[in-house]
Amino acid sequence: MRYALAALLVVAACGGKKAADAPSCEKGVDSMLALTKQAMPGHGDMEMGNKKQMVAECEKRGLSDDQKRCIVAAKDLNGLAACTPKPTAPK
């Protein structure tokens, strides 16, 4: 579950498509949960996180369409990490 929650926090801009084809928070969470399950074999049908809570958090954070596209496009947890915004150095 920690990995799924961490994955939710690992989001940022990646794409450049129009808003009409942006995935929903639910689809993004489904992708993150599937990647987490894939990265943690041996857990069978065990749920990897609270989907309802994760979708609500996604909606609360107001993820951009590009952020959601990036999450759905990720092929593994490293791909998800690549969606992380790079912090800017203080001036």
Protein backbone atom coordinates (compact mmCIF):
# COMPACT_ATOMS: atom_id res chain seq x y z
CA MET A 1 0.00 0.00 0.00
CA ARG A 2 2.89 2.36 0.73
CA TYR A 3 4.11 1.93 -2.82
CA ALA A 4 0.70 2.74 -4.27
CA LEU A 5 0.38 5.88 -2.16
CA ALA A 6 3.91 6.90 -3.05
CA ALA A 7 3.12 6.33 -6.70
CA LEU A 8 0.16 8.69 -6.42
CA LEU A 9 2.53 11.39 -5.25
CA VAL A 10 4.89 10.77 -8.15
CA VAL A 11 3.05 12.75 -10.79
CA ALA A 12 3.94 15.59 -13.12
CA ALA A 13 3.53 16.96 -16.62
CA CYS A 14 4.59 14.67 -19.48
CA GLY A 15 2.41 15.04 -22.54
CA GLY A 16 0.94 17.61 -24.81
CA LYS A 17 -2.40 16.28 -26.04
CA LYS A 18 -5.71 18.06 -25.95
CA ALA A 19 -7.90 17.87 -22.84
CA ALA A 20 -10.60 15.78 -24.51
CA ASP A 21 -8.41 12.68 -24.48
CA ALA A 22 -7.11 13.04 -20.94
CA PRO A 23 -7.68 10.03 -18.68
CA SER A 24 -9.75 10.28 -15.52
CA CYS A 25 -8.26 10.09 -12.04
CA GLU A 26 -9.84 6.65 -11.76
CA LYS A 27 -7.97 5.42 -14.83
CA GLY A 28 -4.72 6.91 -13.51
CA VAL A 29 -5.17 5.19 -10.16
CA ASP A 30 -5.99 1.90 -11.90
CA SER A 31 -2.71 2.20 -13.82
CA MET A 32 -0.71 2.98 -10.68
CA LEU A 33 -2.24 0.07 -8.79
CA ALA A 34 -1.51 -2.31 -11.69
CA LEU A 35 2.12 -1.14 -11.85
CA THR A 36 2.48 -1.55 -8.11
CA LYS A 37 1.06 -5.07 -8.24
CA GLN A 38 3.40 -5.89 -11.13
CA ALA A 39 6.40 -4.62 -9.13
CA MET A 40 5.43 -6.66 -6.07
CA PRO A 41 4.82 -10.21 -7.32
CA GLY A 42 3.54 -12.84 -4.98
CA HIS A 43 0.66 -10.82 -3.56
CA GLY A 44 -2.00 -12.59 -5.63
CA ASP A 45 -5.32 -10.79 -5.65
CA MET A 46 -4.36 -8.62 -2.68
CA GLU A 47 -5.45 -5.01 -3.08
CA MET A 48 -2.43 -2.70 -3.29
CA GLY A 49 -4.18 0.41 -1.97
CA ASN A 50 -7.47 2.09 -1.25
CA LYS A 51 -8.62 2.96 -4.75
CA LYS A 52 -11.52 5.17 -3.63
CA GLN A 53 -9.24 7.21 -1.37
CA MET A 54 -6.56 7.49 -4.06
CA VAL A 55 -9.07 8.72 -6.67
CA ALA A 56 -10.38 11.30 -4.20
CA GLU A 57 -6.82 12.48 -3.50
CA CYS A 58 -6.11 12.77 -7.23
CA GLU A 59 -9.24 14.86 -7.72
CA LYS A 60 -8.47 16.97 -4.65
CA ARG A 61 -4.97 17.72 -5.94
CA GLY A 62 -6.38 18.76 -9.30
CA LEU A 63 -3.85 16.86 -11.39
CA SER A 64 -3.44 18.31 -14.85
CA ASP A 65 -4.44 16.38 -17.95
CA ASP A 66 -0.75 16.01 -18.82
CA GLN A 67 -0.01 14.59 -15.37
CA LYS A 68 -2.77 12.00 -15.72
CA ARG A 69 -1.59 11.06 -19.23
CA CYS A 70 1.95 10.60 -17.91
CA ILE A 71 0.74 8.28 -15.15
CA VAL A 72 -1.31 6.16 -17.55
CA ALA A 73 1.57 5.96 -20.04
CA ALA A 74 4.10 4.72 -17.45
CA LYS A 75 5.20 1.12 -18.04
CA ASP A 76 6.77 0.52 -14.61
CA LEU A 77 7.49 2.29 -11.32
CA ASN A 78 10.59 3.88 -12.84
CA GLY A 79 8.37 5.29 -15.57
CA LEU A 80 6.10 6.69 -12.89
CA ALA A 81 9.09 8.22 -11.12
CA ALA A 82 10.06 9.90 -14.39
CA CYS A 83 6.80 11.85 -14.12
CA THR A 84 8.01 13.53 -10.94
CA PRO A 85 8.42 17.29 -11.22
CA LYS A 86 12.03 18.35 -10.87
CA PRO A 87 12.43 20.77 -7.96
CA THR A 88 13.83 24.15 -8.80
CA ALA A 89 16.81 25.50 -6.91
CA PRO A 90 16.06 28.40 -4.58
CA LYS A 91 17.23 31.78 -5.84
